[in-house]
mmCIF file of all heavy atoms, coordinates in Angstrom:
data_MODEL
# 
_entry.id   MODEL 
# 
loop_
_atom_site.group_PDB 
_atom_site.id 
_atom_site.type_symbol 
_atom_site.label_atom_id 
_atom_site.label_alt_id 
_atom_site.label_comp_id 
_atom_site.label_asym_id 
_atom_site.label_entity_id 
_atom_site.label_seq_id 
_atom_site.pdbx_PDB_ins_code 
_atom_site.Cartn_x 
_atom_site.Cartn_y 
_atom_site.Cartn_z 
_atom_site.occupancy 
_atom_site.B_iso_or_equiv 
_atom_site.pdbx_formal_charge 
_atom_site.auth_seq_id 
_atom_site.auth_comp_id 
_atom_site.auth_asym_id 
_atom_site.auth_atom_id 
_atom_site.pdbx_PDB_model_num 
ATOM 1   N N   . ALA A 1 1  ? 55.570 32.080 114.907 1.00 0.00 ? 1  ALA A N   1 
ATOM 2   C CA  . ALA A 1 1  ? 55.717 30.685 115.257 1.00 0.00 ? 1  ALA A CA  1 
ATOM 3   C C   . ALA A 1 1  ? 55.480 30.432 116.723 1.00 0.00 ? 1  ALA A C   1 
ATOM 4   O O   . ALA A 1 1  ? 54.965 29.411 117.260 1.00 0.00 ? 1  ALA A O   1 
ATOM 5   C CB  . ALA A 1 1  ? 57.094 30.214 114.960 1.00 0.00 ? 1  ALA A CB  1 
ATOM 6   N N   . LYS A 1 2  ? 55.781 31.480 117.548 1.00 0.00 ? 2  LYS A N   1 
ATOM 7   C CA  . LYS A 1 2  ? 55.602 31.418 118.872 1.00 0.00 ? 2  LYS A CA  1 
ATOM 8   C C   . LYS A 1 2  ? 54.431 32.180 119.534 1.00 0.00 ? 2  LYS A C   1 
ATOM 9   O O   . LYS A 1 2  ? 54.196 32.059 120.778 1.00 0.00 ? 2  LYS A O   1 
ATOM 10  C CB  . LYS A 1 2  ? 56.883 31.911 119.630 1.00 0.00 ? 2  LYS A CB  1 
ATOM 11  C CG  . LYS A 1 2  ? 58.184 31.086 119.362 1.00 0.00 ? 2  LYS A CG  1 
ATOM 12  C CD  . LYS A 1 2  ? 59.323 31.790 120.078 1.00 0.00 ? 2  LYS A CD  1 
ATOM 13  C CE  . LYS A 1 2  ? 60.606 30.906 119.853 1.00 0.00 ? 2  LYS A CE  1 
ATOM 14  N NZ  . LYS A 1 2  ? 61.829 31.618 120.487 1.00 0.00 ? 2  LYS A NZ  1 
ATOM 15  N N   . ASN A 1 3  ? 53.551 32.817 118.629 1.00 0.00 ? 3  ASN A N   1 
ATOM 16  C CA  . ASN A 1 3  ? 52.551 33.548 119.025 1.00 0.00 ? 3  ASN A CA  1 
ATOM 17  C C   . ASN A 1 3  ? 52.889 34.484 120.229 1.00 0.00 ? 3  ASN A C   1 
ATOM 18  O O   . ASN A 1 3  ? 52.177 34.620 121.152 1.00 0.00 ? 3  ASN A O   1 
ATOM 19  C CB  . ASN A 1 3  ? 51.297 32.693 119.457 1.00 0.00 ? 3  ASN A CB  1 
ATOM 20  C CG  . ASN A 1 3  ? 50.717 31.956 118.324 1.00 0.00 ? 3  ASN A CG  1 
ATOM 21  O OD1 . ASN A 1 3  ? 50.527 32.506 117.293 1.00 0.00 ? 3  ASN A OD1 1 
ATOM 22  N ND2 . ASN A 1 3  ? 50.186 30.776 118.568 1.00 0.00 ? 3  ASN A ND2 1 
ATOM 23  N N   . SER A 1 4  ? 53.988 35.330 119.833 1.00 0.00 ? 4  SER A N   1 
ATOM 24  C CA  . SER A 1 4  ? 54.341 36.313 120.865 1.00 0.00 ? 4  SER A CA  1 
ATOM 25  C C   . SER A 1 4  ? 54.638 37.456 120.228 1.00 0.00 ? 4  SER A C   1 
ATOM 26  O O   . SER A 1 4  ? 54.871 37.757 119.030 1.00 0.00 ? 4  SER A O   1 
ATOM 27  C CB  . SER A 1 4  ? 55.662 35.657 121.506 1.00 0.00 ? 4  SER A CB  1 
ATOM 28  O OG  . SER A 1 4  ? 56.784 35.679 120.552 1.00 0.00 ? 4  SER A OG  1 
ATOM 29  N N   . ALA A 1 5  ? 54.665 38.648 121.102 1.00 0.00 ? 5  ALA A N   1 
ATOM 30  C CA  . ALA A 1 5  ? 54.875 40.014 120.745 1.00 0.00 ? 5  ALA A CA  1 
ATOM 31  C C   . ALA A 1 5  ? 55.901 40.512 121.669 1.00 0.00 ? 5  ALA A C   1 
ATOM 32  O O   . ALA A 1 5  ? 55.736 40.489 122.932 1.00 0.00 ? 5  ALA A O   1 
ATOM 33  C CB  . ALA A 1 5  ? 53.677 40.826 120.700 1.00 0.00 ? 5  ALA A CB  1 
ATOM 34  N N   . VAL A 1 6  ? 57.028 41.173 121.189 1.00 0.00 ? 6  VAL A N   1 
ATOM 35  C CA  . VAL A 1 6  ? 57.966 41.693 122.003 1.00 0.00 ? 6  VAL A CA  1 
ATOM 36  C C   . VAL A 1 6  ? 58.019 43.254 121.868 1.00 0.00 ? 6  VAL A C   1 
ATOM 37  O O   . VAL A 1 6  ? 58.172 43.725 120.736 1.00 0.00 ? 6  VAL A O   1 
ATOM 38  C CB  . VAL A 1 6  ? 59.373 41.050 121.748 1.00 0.00 ? 6  VAL A CB  1 
ATOM 39  C CG1 . VAL A 1 6  ? 60.446 41.725 122.551 1.00 0.00 ? 6  VAL A CG1 1 
ATOM 40  C CG2 . VAL A 1 6  ? 59.319 39.573 121.954 1.00 0.00 ? 6  VAL A CG2 1 
ATOM 41  N N   . LEU A 1 7  ? 57.990 43.944 122.908 1.00 0.00 ? 7  LEU A N   1 
ATOM 42  C CA  . LEU A 1 7  ? 58.029 45.451 123.018 1.00 0.00 ? 7  LEU A CA  1 
ATOM 43  C C   . LEU A 1 7  ? 59.449 45.730 123.504 1.00 0.00 ? 7  LEU A C   1 
ATOM 44  O O   . LEU A 1 7  ? 59.659 45.544 124.654 1.00 0.00 ? 7  LEU A O   1 
ATOM 45  C CB  . LEU A 1 7  ? 56.916 45.970 123.750 1.00 0.00 ? 7  LEU A CB  1 
ATOM 46  C CG  . LEU A 1 7  ? 56.866 47.619 123.817 1.00 0.00 ? 7  LEU A CG  1 
ATOM 47  C CD1 . LEU A 1 7  ? 56.539 48.105 122.431 1.00 0.00 ? 7  LEU A CD1 1 
ATOM 48  C CD2 . LEU A 1 7  ? 55.922 48.111 124.846 1.00 0.00 ? 7  LEU A CD2 1 
ATOM 49  N N   . GLU A 1 8  ? 60.363 46.260 122.602 1.00 0.00 ? 8  GLU A N   1 
ATOM 50  C CA  . GLU A 1 8  ? 61.593 46.700 123.096 1.00 0.00 ? 8  GLU A CA  1 
ATOM 51  C C   . GLU A 1 8  ? 61.529 48.104 123.350 1.00 0.00 ? 8  GLU A C   1 
ATOM 52  O O   . GLU A 1 8  ? 61.213 48.988 122.440 1.00 0.00 ? 8  GLU A O   1 
ATOM 53  C CB  . GLU A 1 8  ? 62.578 46.329 122.088 1.00 0.00 ? 8  GLU A CB  1 
ATOM 54  C CG  . GLU A 1 8  ? 62.795 44.785 121.939 1.00 0.00 ? 8  GLU A CG  1 
ATOM 55  C CD  . GLU A 1 8  ? 63.969 44.503 120.915 1.00 0.00 ? 8  GLU A CD  1 
ATOM 56  O OE1 . GLU A 1 8  ? 65.172 44.381 121.336 1.00 0.00 ? 8  GLU A OE1 1 
ATOM 57  O OE2 . GLU A 1 8  ? 63.529 44.425 119.637 1.00 0.00 ? 8  GLU A OE2 1 
ATOM 58  N N   . MET A 1 9  ? 61.804 48.554 124.590 1.00 0.00 ? 9  MET A N   1 
ATOM 59  C CA  . MET A 1 9  ? 61.697 49.883 125.030 1.00 0.00 ? 9  MET A CA  1 
ATOM 60  C C   . MET A 1 9  ? 63.049 50.500 125.458 1.00 0.00 ? 9  MET A C   1 
ATOM 61  O O   . MET A 1 9  ? 63.835 49.862 126.125 1.00 0.00 ? 9  MET A O   1 
ATOM 62  C CB  . MET A 1 9  ? 60.790 50.115 126.201 1.00 0.00 ? 9  MET A CB  1 
ATOM 63  C CG  . MET A 1 9  ? 59.395 49.550 125.979 1.00 0.00 ? 9  MET A CG  1 
ATOM 64  S SD  . MET A 1 9  ? 58.201 49.920 127.368 1.00 0.00 ? 9  MET A SD  1 
ATOM 65  C CE  . MET A 1 9  ? 58.924 48.987 128.626 1.00 0.00 ? 9  MET A CE  1 
ATOM 66  N N   . SER A 1 10 ? 63.438 51.646 124.886 1.00 0.00 ? 10 SER A N   1 
ATOM 67  C CA  . SER A 1 10 ? 64.582 52.279 125.155 1.00 0.00 ? 10 SER A CA  1 
ATOM 68  C C   . SER A 1 10 ? 64.394 53.839 125.547 1.00 0.00 ? 10 SER A C   1 
ATOM 69  O O   . SER A 1 10 ? 63.322 54.289 125.373 1.00 0.00 ? 10 SER A O   1 
ATOM 70  C CB  . SER A 1 10 ? 65.648 52.252 123.970 1.00 0.00 ? 10 SER A CB  1 
ATOM 71  O OG  . SER A 1 10 ? 65.082 52.858 122.868 1.00 0.00 ? 10 SER A OG  1 
ATOM 72  N N   . SER A 1 11 ? 65.461 54.488 126.076 1.00 0.00 ? 11 SER A N   1 
ATOM 73  C CA  . SER A 1 11 ? 65.308 55.827 126.478 1.00 0.00 ? 11 SER A CA  1 
ATOM 74  C C   . SER A 1 11 ? 64.169 56.055 127.347 1.00 0.00 ? 11 SER A C   1 
ATOM 75  O O   . SER A 1 11 ? 63.340 56.924 127.207 1.00 0.00 ? 11 SER A O   1 
ATOM 76  C CB  . SER A 1 11 ? 65.253 56.716 125.231 1.00 0.00 ? 11 SER A CB  1 
ATOM 77  O OG  . SER A 1 11 ? 66.402 56.641 124.454 1.00 0.00 ? 11 SER A OG  1 
ATOM 78  N N   . LEU A 1 12 ? 63.961 55.239 128.302 1.00 0.00 ? 12 LEU A N   1 
ATOM 79  C CA  . LEU A 1 12 ? 62.771 55.199 129.173 1.00 0.00 ? 12 LEU A CA  1 
ATOM 80  C C   . LEU A 1 12 ? 62.850 56.489 130.074 1.00 0.00 ? 12 LEU A C   1 
ATOM 81  O O   . LEU A 1 12 ? 63.806 56.967 130.483 1.00 0.00 ? 12 LEU A O   1 
ATOM 82  C CB  . LEU A 1 12 ? 62.788 54.035 130.128 1.00 0.00 ? 12 LEU A CB  1 
ATOM 83  C CG  . LEU A 1 12 ? 62.278 52.650 129.255 1.00 0.00 ? 12 LEU A CG  1 
ATOM 84  C CD1 . LEU A 1 12 ? 62.599 51.480 130.077 1.00 0.00 ? 12 LEU A CD1 1 
ATOM 85  C CD2 . LEU A 1 12 ? 60.724 52.804 128.915 1.00 0.00 ? 12 LEU A CD2 1 
ATOM 86  N N   . ARG A 1 13 ? 61.559 56.974 130.377 1.00 0.00 ? 13 ARG A N   1 
ATOM 87  C CA  . ARG A 1 13 ? 61.529 58.181 131.015 1.00 0.00 ? 13 ARG A CA  1 
ATOM 88  C C   . ARG A 1 13 ? 60.568 57.823 132.294 1.00 0.00 ? 13 ARG A C   1 
ATOM 89  O O   . ARG A 1 13 ? 59.837 56.952 132.280 1.00 0.00 ? 13 ARG A O   1 
ATOM 90  C CB  . ARG A 1 13 ? 60.708 59.219 130.170 1.00 0.00 ? 13 ARG A CB  1 
ATOM 91  C CG  . ARG A 1 13 ? 61.286 59.610 128.981 1.00 0.00 ? 13 ARG A CG  1 
ATOM 92  C CD  . ARG A 1 13 ? 60.394 60.339 128.038 1.00 0.00 ? 13 ARG A CD  1 
ATOM 93  N NE  . ARG A 1 13 ? 61.043 60.690 126.773 1.00 0.00 ? 13 ARG A NE  1 
ATOM 94  C CZ  . ARG A 1 13 ? 60.240 60.925 125.560 1.00 0.00 ? 13 ARG A CZ  1 
ATOM 95  N NH1 . ARG A 1 13 ? 59.003 60.979 125.606 1.00 0.00 ? 13 ARG A NH1 1 
ATOM 96  N NH2 . ARG A 1 13 ? 61.032 61.242 124.549 1.00 0.00 ? 13 ARG A NH2 1 
ATOM 97  N N   . PRO A 1 14 ? 60.615 58.682 133.333 1.00 0.00 ? 14 PRO A N   1 
ATOM 98  C CA  . PRO A 1 14 ? 59.751 58.479 134.540 1.00 0.00 ? 14 PRO A CA  1 
ATOM 99  C C   . PRO A 1 14 ? 58.348 58.377 134.245 1.00 0.00 ? 14 PRO A C   1 
ATOM 100 O O   . PRO A 1 14 ? 57.587 57.617 134.788 1.00 0.00 ? 14 PRO A O   1 
ATOM 101 C CB  . PRO A 1 14 ? 60.144 59.691 135.504 1.00 0.00 ? 14 PRO A CB  1 
ATOM 102 C CG  . PRO A 1 14 ? 61.457 59.915 135.049 1.00 0.00 ? 14 PRO A CG  1 
ATOM 103 C CD  . PRO A 1 14 ? 61.625 59.679 133.688 1.00 0.00 ? 14 PRO A CD  1 
ATOM 104 N N   . GLU A 1 15 ? 57.876 59.066 133.224 1.00 0.00 ? 15 GLU A N   1 
ATOM 105 C CA  . GLU A 1 15 ? 56.518 59.147 132.797 1.00 0.00 ? 15 GLU A CA  1 
ATOM 106 C C   . GLU A 1 15 ? 56.084 57.913 132.100 1.00 0.00 ? 15 GLU A C   1 
ATOM 107 O O   . GLU A 1 15 ? 54.845 57.667 131.894 1.00 0.00 ? 15 GLU A O   1 
ATOM 108 C CB  . GLU A 1 15 ? 56.157 60.294 132.062 1.00 0.00 ? 15 GLU A CB  1 
ATOM 109 C CG  . GLU A 1 15 ? 56.974 60.490 130.719 1.00 0.00 ? 15 GLU A CG  1 
ATOM 110 C CD  . GLU A 1 15 ? 58.260 61.523 131.146 1.00 0.00 ? 15 GLU A CD  1 
ATOM 111 O OE1 . GLU A 1 15 ? 58.735 61.508 132.174 1.00 0.00 ? 15 GLU A OE1 1 
ATOM 112 O OE2 . GLU A 1 15 ? 58.399 62.293 130.045 1.00 0.00 ? 15 GLU A OE2 1 
ATOM 113 N N   . ASP A 1 16 ? 57.104 57.013 131.758 1.00 0.00 ? 16 ASP A N   1 
ATOM 114 C CA  . ASP A 1 16 ? 56.660 55.730 131.230 1.00 0.00 ? 16 ASP A CA  1 
ATOM 115 C C   . ASP A 1 16 ? 56.252 54.676 132.352 1.00 0.00 ? 16 ASP A C   1 
ATOM 116 O O   . ASP A 1 16 ? 55.872 53.639 132.049 1.00 0.00 ? 16 ASP A O   1 
ATOM 117 C CB  . ASP A 1 16 ? 57.875 55.071 130.430 1.00 0.00 ? 16 ASP A CB  1 
ATOM 118 C CG  . ASP A 1 16 ? 58.187 55.797 129.217 1.00 0.00 ? 16 ASP A CG  1 
ATOM 119 O OD1 . ASP A 1 16 ? 57.218 56.246 128.538 1.00 0.00 ? 16 ASP A OD1 1 
ATOM 120 O OD2 . ASP A 1 16 ? 59.415 56.073 128.793 1.00 0.00 ? 16 ASP A OD2 1 
ATOM 121 N N   . THR A 1 17 ? 56.443 55.048 133.682 1.00 0.00 ? 17 THR A N   1 
ATOM 122 C CA  . THR A 1 17 ? 56.134 54.239 134.737 1.00 0.00 ? 17 THR A CA  1 
ATOM 123 C C   . THR A 1 17 ? 54.580 53.857 134.713 1.00 0.00 ? 17 THR A C   1 
ATOM 124 O O   . THR A 1 17 ? 53.769 54.678 134.722 1.00 0.00 ? 17 THR A O   1 
ATOM 125 C CB  . THR A 1 17 ? 56.425 54.928 136.084 1.00 0.00 ? 17 THR A CB  1 
ATOM 126 O OG1 . THR A 1 17 ? 57.875 55.043 136.180 1.00 0.00 ? 17 THR A OG1 1 
ATOM 127 C CG2 . THR A 1 17 ? 55.961 54.059 137.189 1.00 0.00 ? 17 THR A CG2 1 
ATOM 128 N N   . ALA A 1 18 ? 54.260 52.589 134.660 1.00 0.00 ? 18 ALA A N   1 
ATOM 129 C CA  . ALA A 1 18 ? 52.882 52.119 134.557 1.00 0.00 ? 18 ALA A CA  1 
ATOM 130 C C   . ALA A 1 18 ? 52.940 50.673 134.629 1.00 0.00 ? 18 ALA A C   1 
ATOM 131 O O   . ALA A 1 18 ? 53.967 49.971 134.531 1.00 0.00 ? 18 ALA A O   1 
ATOM 132 C CB  . ALA A 1 18 ? 52.218 52.532 133.167 1.00 0.00 ? 18 ALA A CB  1 
ATOM 133 N N   . VAL A 1 19 ? 51.646 50.035 134.733 1.00 0.00 ? 19 VAL A N   1 
ATOM 134 C CA  . VAL A 1 19 ? 51.543 48.633 134.476 1.00 0.00 ? 19 VAL A CA  1 
ATOM 135 C C   . VAL A 1 19 ? 51.276 48.481 132.976 1.00 0.00 ? 19 VAL A C   1 
ATOM 136 O O   . VAL A 1 19 ? 50.425 49.179 132.311 1.00 0.00 ? 19 VAL A O   1 
ATOM 137 C CB  . VAL A 1 19 ? 50.293 48.103 135.349 1.00 0.00 ? 19 VAL A CB  1 
ATOM 138 C CG1 . VAL A 1 19 ? 50.065 46.649 134.803 1.00 0.00 ? 19 VAL A CG1 1 
ATOM 139 C CG2 . VAL A 1 19 ? 50.564 48.207 136.914 1.00 0.00 ? 19 VAL A CG2 1 
ATOM 140 N N   . TYR A 1 20 ? 51.928 47.603 132.425 1.00 0.00 ? 20 TYR A N   1 
ATOM 141 C CA  . TYR A 1 20 ? 51.903 47.340 130.997 1.00 0.00 ? 20 TYR A CA  1 
ATOM 142 C C   . TYR A 1 20 ? 51.172 46.014 130.759 1.00 0.00 ? 20 TYR A C   1 
ATOM 143 O O   . TYR A 1 20 ? 51.487 45.033 131.231 1.00 0.00 ? 20 TYR A O   1 
ATOM 144 C CB  . TYR A 1 20 ? 53.180 47.168 130.367 1.00 0.00 ? 20 TYR A CB  1 
ATOM 145 C CG  . TYR A 1 20 ? 53.985 48.653 130.092 1.00 0.00 ? 20 TYR A CG  1 
ATOM 146 C CD1 . TYR A 1 20 ? 54.259 49.463 131.311 1.00 0.00 ? 20 TYR A CD1 1 
ATOM 147 C CD2 . TYR A 1 20 ? 53.982 49.259 128.902 1.00 0.00 ? 20 TYR A CD2 1 
ATOM 148 C CE1 . TYR A 1 20 ? 54.907 50.687 131.138 1.00 0.00 ? 20 TYR A CE1 1 
ATOM 149 C CE2 . TYR A 1 20 ? 54.632 50.431 128.753 1.00 0.00 ? 20 TYR A CE2 1 
ATOM 150 C CZ  . TYR A 1 20 ? 54.991 51.189 129.877 1.00 0.00 ? 20 TYR A CZ  1 
ATOM 151 O OH  . TYR A 1 20 ? 55.616 52.404 129.592 1.00 0.00 ? 20 TYR A OH  1 
ATOM 152 N N   . TYR A 1 21 ? 50.107 46.247 129.824 1.00 0.00 ? 21 TYR A N   1 
ATOM 153 C CA  . TYR A 1 21 ? 49.255 44.937 129.556 1.00 0.00 ? 21 TYR A CA  1 
ATOM 154 C C   . TYR A 1 21 ? 49.296 44.720 128.005 1.00 0.00 ? 21 TYR A C   1 
ATOM 155 O O   . TYR A 1 21 ? 49.303 45.477 127.197 1.00 0.00 ? 21 TYR A O   1 
ATOM 156 C CB  . TYR A 1 21 ? 47.766 45.372 129.922 1.00 0.00 ? 21 TYR A CB  1 
ATOM 157 C CG  . TYR A 1 21 ? 47.470 45.726 131.238 1.00 0.00 ? 21 TYR A CG  1 
ATOM 158 C CD1 . TYR A 1 21 ? 47.498 47.119 131.765 1.00 0.00 ? 21 TYR A CD1 1 
ATOM 159 C CD2 . TYR A 1 21 ? 47.031 44.754 132.090 1.00 0.00 ? 21 TYR A CD2 1 
ATOM 160 C CE1 . TYR A 1 21 ? 47.236 47.364 133.034 1.00 0.00 ? 21 TYR A CE1 1 
ATOM 161 C CE2 . TYR A 1 21 ? 46.790 45.018 133.419 1.00 0.00 ? 21 TYR A CE2 1 
ATOM 162 C CZ  . TYR A 1 21 ? 46.812 46.392 133.904 1.00 0.00 ? 21 TYR A CZ  1 
ATOM 163 O OH  . TYR A 1 21 ? 46.602 46.674 135.141 1.00 0.00 ? 21 TYR A OH  1 
ATOM 164 N N   . CYS A 1 22 ? 49.486 43.327 127.795 1.00 0.00 ? 22 CYS A N   1 
ATOM 165 C CA  . CYS A 1 22 ? 49.288 42.816 126.509 1.00 0.00 ? 22 CYS A CA  1 
ATOM 166 C C   . CYS A 1 22 ? 47.884 42.492 126.194 1.00 0.00 ? 22 CYS A C   1 
ATOM 167 O O   . CYS A 1 22 ? 47.069 42.036 127.156 1.00 0.00 ? 22 CYS A O   1 
ATOM 168 C CB  . CYS A 1 22 ? 50.193 41.403 126.446 1.00 0.00 ? 22 CYS A CB  1 
ATOM 169 S SG  . CYS A 1 22 ? 50.120 40.763 124.795 1.00 0.00 ? 22 CYS A SG  1 
ATOM 170 N N   . ALA A 1 23 ? 47.520 42.777 124.976 1.00 0.00 ? 23 ALA A N   1 
ATOM 171 C CA  . ALA A 1 23 ? 46.123 42.562 124.582 1.00 0.00 ? 23 ALA A CA  1 
ATOM 172 C C   . ALA A 1 23 ? 46.121 41.961 123.052 1.00 0.00 ? 23 ALA A C   1 
ATOM 173 O O   . ALA A 1 23 ? 46.979 42.024 122.354 1.00 0.00 ? 23 ALA A O   1 
ATOM 174 C CB  . ALA A 1 23 ? 45.320 43.840 124.561 1.00 0.00 ? 23 ALA A CB  1 
ATOM 175 N N   . VAL A 1 24 ? 45.047 41.118 122.942 1.00 0.00 ? 24 VAL A N   1 
ATOM 176 C CA  . VAL A 1 24 ? 44.791 40.544 121.518 1.00 0.00 ? 24 VAL A CA  1 
ATOM 177 C C   . VAL A 1 24 ? 43.331 40.922 120.990 1.00 0.00 ? 24 VAL A C   1 
ATOM 178 O O   . VAL A 1 24 ? 42.413 40.938 121.860 1.00 0.00 ? 24 VAL A O   1 
ATOM 179 C CB  . VAL A 1 24 ? 44.932 39.010 121.622 1.00 0.00 ? 24 VAL A CB  1 
ATOM 180 C CG1 . VAL A 1 24 ? 44.484 38.273 120.315 1.00 0.00 ? 24 VAL A CG1 1 
ATOM 181 C CG2 . VAL A 1 24 ? 46.524 38.768 121.881 1.00 0.00 ? 24 VAL A CG2 1 
ATOM 182 N N   . ARG A 1 25 ? 43.218 41.132 119.748 1.00 0.00 ? 25 ARG A N   1 
ATOM 183 C CA  . ARG A 1 25 ? 41.879 41.310 119.128 1.00 0.00 ? 25 ARG A CA  1 
ATOM 184 C C   . ARG A 1 25 ? 41.900 40.725 117.661 1.00 0.00 ? 25 ARG A C   1 
ATOM 185 O O   . ARG A 1 25 ? 42.985 40.275 117.180 1.00 0.00 ? 25 ARG A O   1 
ATOM 186 C CB  . ARG A 1 25 ? 41.583 42.775 119.024 1.00 0.00 ? 25 ARG A CB  1 
ATOM 187 C CG  . ARG A 1 25 ? 42.683 43.548 118.192 1.00 0.00 ? 25 ARG A CG  1 
ATOM 188 C CD  . ARG A 1 25 ? 42.186 44.958 117.802 1.00 0.00 ? 25 ARG A CD  1 
ATOM 189 N NE  . ARG A 1 25 ? 41.116 44.908 116.843 1.00 0.00 ? 25 ARG A NE  1 
ATOM 190 C CZ  . ARG A 1 25 ? 40.366 46.007 116.376 1.00 0.00 ? 25 ARG A CZ  1 
ATOM 191 N NH1 . ARG A 1 25 ? 40.667 47.149 116.900 1.00 0.00 ? 25 ARG A NH1 1 
ATOM 192 N NH2 . ARG A 1 25 ? 39.511 45.833 115.543 1.00 0.00 ? 25 ARG A NH2 1 
# 
C-alpha cells in the first residue's frame, strides 16, 4: 500500500559497514 520495503537488521557486525542502497527492477 505504501510502496515501501523495510530491511530490519540485527546482530550487526563491523563488516556490515557500508552505504546501503535501495533498488527497484
